[in-house]
Amino acid sequence: MEREEILARLRERIVGYAAYRLSRDAAEDVAQEVMMVLHEKYGSVSLLEDLLPLSLQIARFKIAGMVRKSMRRGEPAQVSTDELDLPDGRANPSDYVERKEMLEKLVAAMSRLGDRCRELFRLKLQGRSFPEIQKILGAGSINTIYTWDLRCRKRLLELMGGRWEGSR
């Protein structure tokens, strides 16, 4: 069996292996990344006995990386928009007052935040991504931006009284 035929069969096996742990689309991505690594770094390996364990090990690392990235982004905790209980659009005087009070609290809390936090929130509200914010703020690492974001959100929550919702 030639290397190309082995890789084609191996790809299907990797997709199955990854699909057991991830969605089908993500499994296809993992298989493609594994094939790229095998092609670029292990071009000299051509025996099935060597390629199979090597490819599964690479797939394990790729899957673990995808899961870590997903957890870091909070994707498992996201709720489908179909499941959201949206309020009706009719005006309610008590909602208006509650919203106005919340806005006043938010404005007061934002004015007490530091410059870096206000700038970070401003950039996020503009729709900037974390890598873009990293460049704009001159941070050495993307993890620094994640840390600043977490600390700024915690501080804002403290300044607003420890709750995002009104005083229900």
Protein backbone atom coordinates (compact mmCIF):
# COMPACT_ATOMS: atom_id res chain seq x y z
CA MET A 1 0.00 0.00 0.00
CA GLU A 2 1.35 3.42 -0.90
CA ARG A 3 1.65 6.33 1.52
CA GLU A 4 -1.22 8.30 -0.09
CA GLU A 5 -3.60 5.36 0.22
CA ILE A 6 -2.54 4.80 3.83
CA LEU A 7 -3.09 8.49 4.63
CA ALA A 8 -6.56 8.44 3.02
CA ARG A 9 -7.63 5.50 5.19
CA LEU A 10 -5.93 7.01 8.21
CA ARG A 11 -7.81 10.27 7.72
CA GLU A 12 -11.16 8.47 7.98
CA ARG A 13 -10.01 6.73 11.13
CA ILE A 14 -8.90 10.04 12.66
CA VAL A 15 -12.24 11.65 11.79
CA GLY A 16 -14.04 8.83 13.57
CA TYR A 17 -11.73 9.08 16.56
CA ALA A 18 -12.17 12.84 16.82
CA ALA A 19 -15.93 12.73 16.14
CA TYR A 20 -16.32 10.60 19.25
CA ARG A 21 -15.11 13.59 21.30
CA LEU A 22 -16.07 16.58 19.13
CA SER A 23 -18.68 17.60 16.57
CA ARG A 24 -18.36 16.23 13.04
CA ASP A 25 -17.15 19.59 11.68
CA ALA A 26 -14.53 19.92 14.40
CA ALA A 27 -13.46 16.30 13.78
CA GLU A 28 -12.93 17.11 10.10
CA ASP A 29 -10.79 20.10 11.13
CA VAL A 30 -8.72 17.94 13.49
CA ALA A 31 -8.18 15.33 10.77
CA GLN A 32 -7.07 18.02 8.33
CA GLU A 33 -4.63 19.47 10.86
CA VAL A 34 -3.23 16.01 11.60
CA MET A 35 -2.76 15.35 7.88
CA MET A 36 -0.91 18.66 7.54
CA VAL A 37 1.42 17.79 10.42
CA LEU A 38 2.07 14.32 8.98
CA HIS A 39 2.82 15.82 5.58
CA GLU A 40 5.04 18.66 6.81
CA LYS A 41 6.95 17.03 9.67
CA TYR A 42 6.74 13.30 9.08
CA GLY A 43 7.02 13.01 5.31
CA SER A 44 9.63 10.28 5.62
CA VAL A 45 7.35 7.97 7.66
CA SER A 46 5.46 5.66 5.30
CA LEU A 47 4.65 2.47 7.20
CA LEU A 48 1.15 2.00 8.58
CA GLU A 49 2.59 0.60 11.84
CA ASP A 50 4.38 3.91 12.39
CA LEU A 51 1.76 6.30 11.01
CA LEU A 52 -1.23 5.01 12.99
CA PRO A 53 0.06 5.61 16.54
CA LEU A 54 1.76 8.82 15.44
CA SER A 55 -1.41 10.22 13.88
CA LEU A 56 -3.57 9.27 16.87
CA GLN A 57 -1.12 10.94 19.25
CA ILE A 58 -1.18 14.12 17.14
CA ALA A 59 -5.00 13.94 17.06
CA ARG A 60 -5.10 13.65 20.87
CA PHE A 61 -3.01 16.80 21.19
CA LYS A 62 -5.16 18.66 18.63
CA ILE A 63 -8.40 17.60 20.36
CA ALA A 64 -7.06 18.64 23.77
CA GLY A 65 -6.08 22.00 22.30
CA MET A 66 -9.53 22.54 20.80
CA VAL A 67 -11.24 21.61 24.07
CA ARG A 68 -9.00 23.98 26.06
CA LYS A 69 -9.68 26.78 23.60
CA SER A 70 -13.41 26.13 23.76
CA MET A 71 -13.40 26.15 27.57
CA ARG A 72 -11.35 29.33 27.66
CA ARG A 73 -13.87 31.04 25.39
CA GLY A 74 -16.79 29.76 27.46
CA GLU A 75 -18.42 28.03 24.51
CA PRO A 76 -19.89 25.08 26.48
CA ALA A 77 -21.84 27.52 28.67
CA GLN A 78 -23.42 29.35 25.76
CA VAL A 79 -27.17 29.09 25.33
CA SER A 80 -28.88 28.67 22.00
CA THR A 81 -30.88 31.72 20.97
CA ASP A 82 -33.85 29.42 20.37
CA GLU A 83 -33.98 28.67 24.10
CA LEU A 84 -33.92 32.29 25.25
CA ASP A 85 -37.03 33.61 26.94
CA LEU A 86 -37.27 37.05 25.39
CA PRO A 87 -39.50 39.66 27.00
CA ASP A 88 -42.32 41.17 25.03
CA GLY A 89 -41.55 44.48 23.40
CA ARG A 90 -44.33 46.42 25.09
CA ALA A 91 -43.32 49.33 27.32
CA ASN A 92 -43.68 48.72 31.04
CA PRO A 93 -43.24 51.67 33.44
CA SER A 94 -41.53 49.60 36.15
CA ASP A 95 -39.09 48.14 33.59
CA TYR A 96 -38.32 51.64 32.36
CA VAL A 97 -37.55 52.86 35.90
CA GLU A 98 -35.48 49.77 36.68
CA ARG A 99 -33.52 50.14 33.44
CA LYS A 100 -32.92 53.82 34.14
CA GLU A 101 -31.62 53.06 37.65
CA MET A 102 -29.37 50.33 36.26
CA LEU A 103 -28.00 52.72 33.66
CA GLU A 104 -27.29 55.32 36.35
CA LYS A 105 -25.47 52.68 38.43
CA LEU A 106 -23.49 51.61 35.38
CA VAL A 107 -22.47 55.17 34.50
CA ALA A 108 -21.43 55.85 38.10
CA ALA A 109 -19.47 52.60 38.30
CA MET A 110 -17.76 53.20 34.93
CA SER A 111 -16.63 56.66 36.06
CA ARG A 112 -14.94 55.08 39.10
CA LEU A 113 -13.07 52.49 37.00
CA GLY A 114 -9.47 53.03 35.97
CA ASP A 115 -8.48 54.33 32.56
CA ARG A 116 -7.33 50.93 31.31
CA CYS A 117 -10.65 49.28 32.19
CA ARG A 118 -12.67 52.04 30.56
CA GLU A 119 -10.53 51.80 27.42
CA LEU A 120 -10.85 48.01 27.38
CA PHE A 121 -14.65 48.24 27.64
CA ARG A 122 -14.75 50.93 24.97
CA LEU A 123 -12.79 48.74 22.57
CA LYS A 124 -14.97 45.72 23.31
CA LEU A 125 -18.12 47.77 22.69
CA GLN A 126 -16.66 48.79 19.34
CA GLY A 127 -16.52 45.09 18.47
CA ARG A 128 -12.76 44.75 18.60
CA SER A 129 -11.33 41.26 19.08
CA PHE A 130 -8.95 40.43 21.90
CA PRO A 131 -5.92 40.27 19.53
CA GLU A 132 -6.82 43.73 18.21
CA ILE A 133 -7.18 45.05 21.75
CA GLN A 134 -3.80 43.53 22.60
CA LYS A 135 -2.16 45.50 19.80
CA ILE A 136 -3.96 48.74 20.64
CA LEU A 137 -3.17 48.55 24.36
CA GLY A 138 0.38 47.30 23.73
CA ALA A 139 0.09 44.20 25.92
CA GLY A 140 2.83 41.59 25.58
CA SER A 141 0.45 38.62 25.59
CA ILE A 142 -3.16 37.88 24.73
CA ASN A 143 -3.46 36.26 28.16
CA THR A 144 -2.72 39.65 29.69
CA ILE A 145 -5.79 41.04 27.92
CA TYR A 146 -7.92 38.12 29.12
CA THR A 147 -6.72 38.78 32.69
CA TRP A 148 -7.38 42.52 32.45
CA ASP A 149 -10.85 41.83 31.07
CA LEU A 150 -11.69 39.46 33.92
CA ARG A 151 -10.40 41.87 36.56
CA CYS A 152 -12.19 44.85 35.01
CA ARG A 153 -15.49 42.97 34.84
CA LYS A 154 -15.11 41.86 38.47
CA ARG A 155 -14.31 45.41 39.55
CA LEU A 156 -17.30 46.80 37.62
CA LEU A 157 -19.55 44.22 39.26
CA GLU A 158 -18.25 45.23 42.70
CA LEU A 159 -18.84 48.91 41.95
CA MET A 160 -22.40 48.13 40.84
CA GLY A 161 -23.19 46.45 44.13
CA GLY A 162 -22.31 42.85 43.28
CA ARG A 163 -25.21 42.21 40.88
CA TRP A 164 -25.80 42.77 37.19
CA GLU A 165 -29.58 42.70 37.55
CA GLY A 166 -31.68 45.17 39.45
CA SER A 167 -32.49 44.83 43.16
CA ARG A 168 -34.97 41.96 42.79
